Amino acid sequence: MEIKDILSELITVANNAMSERGCPENFDLEDFISTLEDYYEDLDEIGEFMYYDEGDEYNFSDEDNY
């Protein structure tokens, strides 16, 4: 599962929990959701990650280097 998919699920679950149960006293759920949304937006700005086999060097440039 991609990181953005996981963040999207966490955001959905956290929003549903806050809607159903409210915000817990010992945890700032609204701040947590905001942080997750910020991470999601950051990933949008970064673009796609390229995965390499073990032993290959990582290339984080925007160019397609295969």
Protein backbone atom coordinates (compact mmCIF):
# COMPACT_ATOMS: atom_id res chain seq x y z
CA MET A 1 0.00 0.00 0.00
CA GLU A 2 1.31 3.43 -0.91
CA ILE A 3 2.05 6.02 1.75
CA LYS A 4 -0.63 8.37 0.42
CA ASP A 5 -3.23 5.58 0.62
CA ILE A 6 -2.30 4.90 4.24
CA LEU A 7 -2.48 8.61 5.12
CA SER A 8 -5.84 8.90 3.37
CA GLU A 9 -7.21 5.98 5.39
CA LEU A 10 -5.86 7.43 8.64
CA ILE A 11 -7.45 10.81 7.87
CA THR A 12 -10.80 9.17 7.09
CA VAL A 13 -10.77 7.00 10.22
CA ALA A 14 -9.69 9.90 12.45
CA ASN A 15 -12.38 12.19 11.03
CA ASN A 16 -15.03 9.50 11.50
CA ALA A 17 -13.91 8.83 15.07
CA MET A 18 -13.99 12.54 15.89
CA SER A 19 -17.47 12.89 14.35
CA GLU A 20 -18.84 9.92 16.26
CA ARG A 21 -17.07 10.29 19.60
CA GLY A 22 -15.74 13.83 19.71
CA CYS A 23 -12.18 14.80 20.48
CA PRO A 24 -10.50 12.84 23.31
CA GLU A 25 -9.41 14.82 26.35
CA ASN A 26 -5.89 13.38 26.40
CA PHE A 27 -5.11 13.70 22.67
CA ASP A 28 -5.49 16.58 20.21
CA LEU A 29 -7.20 14.68 17.40
CA GLU A 30 -7.81 17.82 15.33
CA ASP A 31 -4.09 18.64 15.37
CA PHE A 32 -3.28 15.02 14.47
CA ILE A 33 -5.65 15.15 11.47
CA SER A 34 -4.16 18.48 10.38
CA THR A 35 -0.67 16.99 10.54
CA LEU A 36 -1.72 13.99 8.45
CA GLU A 37 -3.30 16.31 5.87
CA ASP A 38 -0.08 18.34 5.74
CA TYR A 39 1.94 15.16 5.12
CA TYR A 40 -0.51 14.18 2.37
CA GLU A 41 -0.14 17.59 0.69
CA ASP A 42 3.66 17.37 0.98
CA LEU A 43 3.59 14.03 -0.81
CA ASP A 44 1.50 15.62 -3.58
CA GLU A 45 4.18 18.26 -4.03
CA ILE A 46 7.01 15.70 -4.05
CA GLY A 47 5.44 13.56 -6.74
CA GLU A 48 5.92 9.85 -7.22
CA PHE A 49 8.59 7.85 -5.46
CA MET A 50 10.66 5.47 -7.52
CA TYR A 51 11.40 2.10 -5.93
CA TYR A 52 14.58 0.21 -6.72
CA ASP A 53 15.72 -3.32 -6.07
CA GLU A 54 18.09 -3.97 -3.21
CA GLY A 55 21.57 -2.82 -4.07
CA ASP A 56 20.45 -0.13 -6.49
CA GLU A 57 21.15 3.46 -5.57
CA TYR A 58 18.28 5.77 -4.77
CA ASN A 59 17.48 8.58 -7.17
CA PHE A 60 15.13 11.23 -5.85
CA SER A 61 15.26 13.56 -8.84
CA ASP A 62 12.19 14.47 -10.86
CA GLU A 63 13.76 13.18 -14.07
CA ASP A 64 13.02 9.70 -15.34
CA ASN A 65 16.32 7.86 -14.89
CA TYR A 66 15.82 4.17 -15.45
